[in-house]
Amino acid sequence: MAAERDIDSLRDALRRFVAERQWERFHEPKDLALAISIEASELAEHFLWKGVDEARGYVREGGHLDEVIEEVADVIIYSLNLMNALERISGKHIDVAKAILDKVGKNAAKYPADAYRNKARLEKP
């Protein structure tokens, strides 16, 4: 799988992995959404109660970076599995790259760079 880098190739690899184990019946949107949430919580646990500097130090030391990357991979894997399940259930092709770029476009319109540069939120009048 090292050579498979684009989203469609990753989705295909995950489809094969799931099919080889006959796990399609377990890959319902509800269950995959819950799995994403659980894995995101496991990711967040690495940073719980740490300040910004401590969290940055945490990823620099020991094997913590690898552990964090593994949790991020779990979130992405379950997210792509969810897209595969939605596609299988709906019968409609889902272009994940387009969905991401469309969302980035919506966020760009919602948070114009000139207004939000170096700001997490706008000041209220």
N, C-alpha and C. Protein backbone atom coordinates (compact mmCIF):
# COMPACT_ATOMS: atom_id res chain seq x y z
N MET A 1 0.82 -1.19 0.00
CA MET A 1 0.00 0.00 0.00
C MET A 1 0.86 1.26 0.00
N ALA A 2 2.17 1.12 0.16
CA ALA A 2 3.05 2.29 0.21
C ALA A 2 2.97 3.12 -1.07
N ALA A 3 2.76 2.48 -2.22
CA ALA A 3 2.72 3.21 -3.48
C ALA A 3 1.37 3.87 -3.72
N GLU A 4 0.36 3.48 -2.96
CA GLU A 4 -0.97 4.04 -3.17
C GLU A 4 -1.11 5.34 -2.38
N ARG A 5 -1.14 6.45 -3.11
CA ARG A 5 -1.10 7.75 -2.44
C ARG A 5 -2.34 8.59 -2.64
N ASP A 6 -3.08 8.39 -3.73
CA ASP A 6 -4.23 9.26 -3.93
C ASP A 6 -5.45 8.70 -3.20
N ILE A 7 -6.42 9.54 -3.01
CA ILE A 7 -7.59 9.18 -2.21
C ILE A 7 -8.32 7.98 -2.80
N ASP A 8 -8.51 7.95 -4.10
CA ASP A 8 -9.23 6.83 -4.72
C ASP A 8 -8.49 5.51 -4.50
N SER A 9 -7.17 5.54 -4.61
CA SER A 9 -6.38 4.32 -4.37
C SER A 9 -6.51 3.87 -2.92
N LEU A 10 -6.49 4.81 -2.00
CA LEU A 10 -6.67 4.47 -0.58
C LEU A 10 -8.06 3.88 -0.34
N ARG A 11 -9.07 4.49 -0.95
CA ARG A 11 -10.43 3.96 -0.80
C ARG A 11 -10.54 2.55 -1.36
N ASP A 12 -9.92 2.32 -2.51
CA ASP A 12 -9.93 0.98 -3.10
C ASP A 12 -9.24 -0.03 -2.19
N ALA A 13 -8.10 0.34 -1.62
CA ALA A 13 -7.38 -0.55 -0.71
C ALA A 13 -8.24 -0.88 0.51
N LEU A 14 -8.94 0.13 1.03
CA LEU A 14 -9.82 -0.10 2.19
C LEU A 14 -11.01 -0.96 1.80
N ARG A 15 -11.57 -0.73 0.60
CA ARG A 15 -12.68 -1.56 0.12
C ARG A 15 -12.26 -3.03 0.06
N ARG A 16 -11.07 -3.27 -0.49
CA ARG A 16 -10.55 -4.65 -0.58
C ARG A 16 -10.34 -5.24 0.82
N PHE A 17 -9.77 -4.48 1.71
CA PHE A 17 -9.51 -4.93 3.08
C PHE A 17 -10.82 -5.35 3.75
N VAL A 18 -11.84 -4.52 3.61
CA VAL A 18 -13.15 -4.80 4.21
C VAL A 18 -13.79 -6.02 3.54
N ALA A 19 -13.75 -6.08 2.20
CA ALA A 19 -14.37 -7.17 1.46
C ALA A 19 -13.72 -8.52 1.77
N GLU A 20 -12.38 -8.52 1.86
CA GLU A 20 -11.67 -9.77 2.16
C GLU A 20 -12.09 -10.36 3.51
N ARG A 21 -12.55 -9.51 4.41
CA ARG A 21 -12.97 -9.95 5.75
C ARG A 21 -14.48 -10.06 5.87
N GLN A 22 -15.18 -9.74 4.77
CA GLN A 22 -16.65 -9.72 4.74
C GLN A 22 -17.22 -8.87 5.88
N TRP A 23 -16.67 -7.66 6.00
CA TRP A 23 -17.08 -6.75 7.06
C TRP A 23 -18.11 -5.72 6.60
N GLU A 24 -18.57 -5.79 5.35
CA GLU A 24 -19.49 -4.77 4.84
C GLU A 24 -20.70 -4.62 5.77
N ARG A 25 -21.21 -5.72 6.29
CA ARG A 25 -22.41 -5.66 7.14
C ARG A 25 -22.16 -4.91 8.45
N PHE A 26 -20.90 -4.81 8.84
CA PHE A 26 -20.57 -4.06 10.05
C PHE A 26 -20.30 -2.58 9.75
N HIS A 27 -20.14 -2.27 8.48
CA HIS A 27 -19.78 -0.91 8.09
C HIS A 27 -21.02 -0.11 7.72
N GLU A 28 -21.84 0.11 8.69
CA GLU A 28 -23.02 0.96 8.54
C GLU A 28 -22.61 2.39 8.92
N PRO A 29 -23.24 3.39 8.31
CA PRO A 29 -22.87 4.78 8.60
C PRO A 29 -22.87 5.11 10.10
N LYS A 30 -23.87 4.65 10.83
CA LYS A 30 -23.92 4.93 12.26
C LYS A 30 -22.69 4.41 12.97
N ASP A 31 -22.33 3.16 12.69
CA ASP A 31 -21.19 2.54 13.36
C ASP A 31 -19.87 3.20 12.97
N LEU A 32 -19.74 3.54 11.71
CA LEU A 32 -18.52 4.19 11.26
C LEU A 32 -18.40 5.61 11.83
N ALA A 33 -19.53 6.32 11.92
CA ALA A 33 -19.51 7.65 12.53
C ALA A 33 -19.09 7.55 14.00
N LEU A 34 -19.60 6.55 14.69
CA LEU A 34 -19.19 6.34 16.09
C LEU A 34 -17.71 5.98 16.17
N ALA A 35 -17.24 5.15 15.25
CA ALA A 35 -15.83 4.76 15.25
C ALA A 35 -14.94 5.99 15.03
N ILE A 36 -15.34 6.89 14.13
CA ILE A 36 -14.59 8.12 13.90
C ILE A 36 -14.51 8.93 15.18
N SER A 37 -15.64 9.06 15.86
CA SER A 37 -15.69 9.82 17.11
C SER A 37 -14.78 9.20 18.17
N ILE A 38 -14.81 7.88 18.28
CA ILE A 38 -13.99 7.19 19.27
C ILE A 38 -12.51 7.37 18.95
N GLU A 39 -12.14 7.20 17.69
CA GLU A 39 -10.74 7.37 17.32
C GLU A 39 -10.29 8.82 17.50
N ALA A 40 -11.17 9.77 17.20
CA ALA A 40 -10.84 11.19 17.42
C ALA A 40 -10.63 11.45 18.91
N SER A 41 -11.40 10.78 19.75
CA SER A 41 -11.21 10.92 21.20
C SER A 41 -9.87 10.33 21.63
N GLU A 42 -9.49 9.20 21.03
CA GLU A 42 -8.19 8.61 21.35
C GLU A 42 -7.06 9.54 20.91
N LEU A 43 -7.25 10.23 19.80
CA LEU A 43 -6.28 11.23 19.35
C LEU A 43 -6.21 12.38 20.34
N ALA A 44 -7.36 12.88 20.74
CA ALA A 44 -7.41 14.01 21.68
C ALA A 44 -6.79 13.66 23.03
N GLU A 45 -6.90 12.40 23.41
CA GLU A 45 -6.36 11.96 24.70
C GLU A 45 -4.86 12.23 24.82
N HIS A 46 -4.15 12.19 23.70
CA HIS A 46 -2.71 12.48 23.72
C HIS A 46 -2.42 13.90 24.18
N PHE A 47 -3.37 14.79 24.00
CA PHE A 47 -3.14 16.21 24.30
C PHE A 47 -3.91 16.71 25.51
N LEU A 48 -4.70 15.84 26.10
CA LEU A 48 -5.54 16.22 27.24
C LEU A 48 -4.70 16.81 28.36
N TRP A 49 -5.11 17.95 28.84
CA TRP A 49 -4.52 18.66 29.98
C TRP A 49 -3.13 19.21 29.69
N LYS A 50 -2.72 19.24 28.43
CA LYS A 50 -1.42 19.80 28.08
C LYS A 50 -1.61 21.19 27.49
N GLY A 51 -0.75 22.10 27.88
CA GLY A 51 -0.73 23.41 27.25
C GLY A 51 -0.12 23.31 25.87
N VAL A 52 -0.13 24.40 25.15
CA VAL A 52 0.39 24.40 23.77
C VAL A 52 1.84 23.96 23.72
N ASP A 53 2.69 24.54 24.56
CA ASP A 53 4.11 24.19 24.55
C ASP A 53 4.33 22.75 24.97
N GLU A 54 3.60 22.29 25.97
CA GLU A 54 3.73 20.91 26.43
C GLU A 54 3.29 19.93 25.33
N ALA A 55 2.20 20.27 24.63
CA ALA A 55 1.71 19.41 23.54
C ALA A 55 2.72 19.35 22.41
N ARG A 56 3.35 20.47 22.10
CA ARG A 56 4.37 20.48 21.06
C ARG A 56 5.56 19.62 21.47
N GLY A 57 5.98 19.74 22.73
CA GLY A 57 7.07 18.92 23.24
C GLY A 57 6.71 17.44 23.22
N TYR A 58 5.47 17.14 23.53
CA TYR A 58 5.00 15.76 23.56
C TYR A 58 5.19 15.06 22.22
N VAL A 59 4.87 15.76 21.12
CA VAL A 59 5.01 15.12 19.81
C VAL A 59 6.46 15.03 19.36
N ARG A 60 7.35 15.79 20.01
CA ARG A 60 8.77 15.75 19.66
C ARG A 60 9.52 14.63 20.38
N GLU A 61 8.98 14.14 21.49
CA GLU A 61 9.74 13.20 22.32
C GLU A 61 9.26 11.76 22.16
N GLY A 62 10.18 10.85 22.38
CA GLY A 62 9.85 9.43 22.40
C GLY A 62 9.14 8.98 21.14
N GLY A 63 8.26 8.05 21.30
CA GLY A 63 7.48 7.54 20.18
C GLY A 63 6.13 8.20 20.07
N HIS A 64 5.95 9.34 20.74
CA HIS A 64 4.63 9.96 20.76
C HIS A 64 4.16 10.40 19.38
N LEU A 65 5.06 10.90 18.56
CA LEU A 65 4.64 11.34 17.22
C LEU A 65 4.05 10.17 16.45
N ASP A 66 4.71 9.02 16.50
CA ASP A 66 4.20 7.84 15.81
C ASP A 66 2.83 7.44 16.34
N GLU A 67 2.64 7.53 17.65
CA GLU A 67 1.34 7.19 18.25
C GLU A 67 0.26 8.15 17.79
N VAL A 68 0.58 9.43 17.74
CA VAL A 68 -0.39 10.44 17.29
C VAL A 68 -0.72 10.22 15.82
N ILE A 69 0.29 9.98 15.00
CA ILE A 69 0.07 9.73 13.58
C ILE A 69 -0.83 8.51 13.39
N GLU A 70 -0.63 7.47 14.20
CA GLU A 70 -1.45 6.27 14.10
C GLU A 70 -2.92 6.58 14.41
N GLU A 71 -3.17 7.43 15.39
CA GLU A 71 -4.55 7.81 15.71
C GLU A 71 -5.16 8.65 14.58
N VAL A 72 -4.37 9.55 14.00
CA VAL A 72 -4.86 10.34 12.86
C VAL A 72 -5.20 9.39 11.71
N ALA A 73 -4.34 8.40 11.47
CA ALA A 73 -4.60 7.43 10.40
C ALA A 73 -5.91 6.68 10.67
N ASP A 74 -6.17 6.32 11.93
CA ASP A 74 -7.42 5.64 12.26
C ASP A 74 -8.63 6.50 11.91
N VAL A 75 -8.56 7.80 12.24
CA VAL A 75 -9.66 8.71 11.94
C VAL A 75 -9.88 8.78 10.42
N ILE A 76 -8.79 8.89 9.68
CA ILE A 76 -8.90 8.98 8.22
C ILE A 76 -9.42 7.67 7.63
N ILE A 77 -8.92 6.54 8.13
CA ILE A 77 -9.38 5.24 7.63
C ILE A 77 -10.88 5.09 7.84
N TYR A 78 -11.36 5.37 9.05
CA TYR A 78 -12.79 5.24 9.29
C TYR A 78 -13.59 6.26 8.47
N SER A 79 -13.03 7.44 8.24
CA SER A 79 -13.72 8.43 7.41
C SER A 79 -13.84 7.94 5.97
N LEU A 80 -12.78 7.38 5.43
CA LEU A 80 -12.84 6.84 4.07
C LEU A 80 -13.74 5.62 4.01
N ASN A 81 -13.72 4.79 5.05
CA ASN A 81 -14.65 3.66 5.10
C ASN A 81 -16.10 4.14 5.12
N LEU A 82 -16.35 5.25 5.81
CA LEU A 82 -17.70 5.82 5.84
C LEU A 82 -18.09 6.30 4.45
N MET A 83 -17.19 6.97 3.74
CA MET A 83 -17.48 7.40 2.38
C MET A 83 -17.78 6.19 1.49
N ASN A 84 -17.01 5.12 1.65
CA ASN A 84 -17.26 3.89 0.88
C ASN A 84 -18.63 3.32 1.21
N ALA A 85 -18.99 3.29 2.48
CA ALA A 85 -20.30 2.76 2.87
C ALA A 85 -21.43 3.63 2.33
N LEU A 86 -21.28 4.95 2.41
CA LEU A 86 -22.30 5.86 1.88
C LEU A 86 -22.47 5.66 0.38
N GLU A 87 -21.37 5.46 -0.31
CA GLU A 87 -21.42 5.22 -1.75
C GLU A 87 -22.12 3.89 -2.03
N ARG A 88 -21.76 2.85 -1.29
CA ARG A 88 -22.37 1.53 -1.48
C ARG A 88 -23.86 1.57 -1.21
N ILE A 89 -24.27 2.26 -0.15
CA ILE A 89 -25.68 2.31 0.24
C ILE A 89 -26.49 3.18 -0.71
N SER A 90 -25.93 4.33 -1.11
CA SER A 90 -26.67 5.27 -1.95
C SER A 90 -26.63 4.87 -3.43
N GLY A 91 -25.62 4.11 -3.82
CA GLY A 91 -25.46 3.78 -5.23
C GLY A 91 -24.91 4.93 -6.05
N LYS A 92 -24.52 6.01 -5.38
CA LYS A 92 -23.98 7.18 -6.06
C LYS A 92 -22.49 7.29 -5.79
N HIS A 93 -21.74 7.68 -6.83
CA HIS A 93 -20.30 7.88 -6.66
C HIS A 93 -20.06 9.10 -5.79
N ILE A 94 -19.15 8.97 -4.85
CA ILE A 94 -18.77 10.10 -4.00
C ILE A 94 -17.32 10.44 -4.32
N ASP A 95 -17.12 11.64 -4.82
CA ASP A 95 -15.79 12.15 -5.13
C ASP A 95 -15.28 12.85 -3.86
N VAL A 96 -14.47 12.14 -3.08
CA VAL A 96 -14.01 12.65 -1.79
C VAL A 96 -13.15 13.90 -1.97
N ALA A 97 -12.26 13.89 -2.95
CA ALA A 97 -11.41 15.06 -3.18
C ALA A 97 -12.27 16.28 -3.51
N LYS A 98 -13.29 16.10 -4.35
CA LYS A 98 -14.19 17.21 -4.68
C LYS A 98 -14.94 17.68 -3.45
N ALA A 99 -15.41 16.73 -2.62
CA ALA A 99 -16.14 17.10 -1.40
C ALA A 99 -15.25 17.94 -0.48
N ILE A 100 -13.99 17.55 -0.37
CA ILE A 100 -13.05 18.30 0.48
C ILE A 100 -12.82 19.69 -0.11
N LEU A 101 -12.54 19.76 -1.41
CA LEU A 101 -12.29 21.06 -2.04
C LEU A 101 -13.52 21.95 -2.00
N ASP A 102 -14.72 21.37 -2.16
CA ASP A 102 -15.96 22.15 -2.05
C ASP A 102 -16.08 22.73 -0.64
N LYS A 103 -15.76 21.94 0.38
CA LYS A 103 -15.85 22.41 1.76
C LYS A 103 -14.82 23.51 2.03
N VAL A 104 -13.61 23.35 1.48
CA VAL A 104 -12.59 24.39 1.62
C VAL A 104 -13.10 25.68 0.96
N GLY A 105 -13.75 25.56 -0.18
CA GLY A 105 -14.32 26.74 -0.86
C GLY A 105 -15.38 27.42 -0.01
N LYS A 106 -16.26 26.62 0.61
CA LYS A 106 -17.28 27.19 1.50
C LYS A 106 -16.64 27.89 2.69
N ASN A 107 -15.61 27.26 3.25
CA ASN A 107 -14.92 27.88 4.39
C ASN A 107 -14.21 29.16 3.98
N ALA A 108 -13.65 29.18 2.77
CA ALA A 108 -12.99 30.39 2.28
C ALA A 108 -13.99 31.54 2.16
N ALA A 109 -15.21 31.23 1.71
CA ALA A 109 -16.23 32.27 1.60
C ALA A 109 -16.72 32.70 2.98
N LYS A 110 -16.84 31.75 3.88
CA LYS A 110 -17.33 32.04 5.24
C LYS A 110 -16.29 32.79 6.07
N TYR A 111 -15.02 32.48 5.83
CA TYR A 111 -13.92 33.07 6.60
C TYR A 111 -12.91 33.71 5.65
N PRO A 112 -13.26 34.87 5.06
CA PRO A 112 -12.36 35.52 4.11
C PRO A 112 -11.00 35.81 4.76
N ALA A 113 -9.93 35.55 4.01
CA ALA A 113 -8.57 35.70 4.54
C ALA A 113 -8.32 37.10 5.08
N ASP A 114 -8.77 38.13 4.36
CA ASP A 114 -8.51 39.49 4.82
C ASP A 114 -9.15 39.78 6.17
N ALA A 115 -10.33 39.23 6.42
CA ALA A 115 -11.02 39.48 7.68
C ALA A 115 -10.50 38.59 8.82
N TYR A 116 -10.04 37.40 8.48
CA TYR A 116 -9.67 36.42 9.51
C TYR A 116 -8.17 36.20 9.65
N ARG A 117 -7.36 36.92 8.89
CA ARG A 117 -5.92 36.72 8.97
C ARG A 117 -5.44 36.89 10.40
N ASN A 118 -4.80 35.85 10.92
CA ASN A 118 -4.23 35.84 12.27
C ASN A 118 -5.29 35.97 13.37
N LYS A 119 -6.53 35.59 13.06
CA LYS A 119 -7.63 35.64 14.03
C LYS A 119 -8.40 34.33 13.99
N ALA A 120 -8.71 33.79 15.14
CA ALA A 120 -9.54 32.58 15.20
C ALA A 120 -11.01 32.94 15.06
N ARG A 121 -11.34 34.16 15.44
CA ARG A 121 -12.71 34.64 15.31
C ARG A 121 -12.68 36.16 15.22
N LEU A 122 -13.77 36.72 14.73
CA LEU A 122 -13.86 38.17 14.62
C LEU A 122 -14.30 38.74 15.96
N GLU A 123 -13.84 39.93 16.24
CA GLU A 123 -14.26 40.62 17.46
C GLU A 123 -15.71 41.02 17.32
N LYS A 124 -16.46 40.86 18.40
CA LYS A 124 -17.88 41.26 18.38
C LYS A 124 -17.95 42.76 18.67
N PRO A 125 -18.86 43.43 17.94
CA PRO A 125 -18.98 44.89 18.15
C PRO A 125 -19.49 45.23 19.53
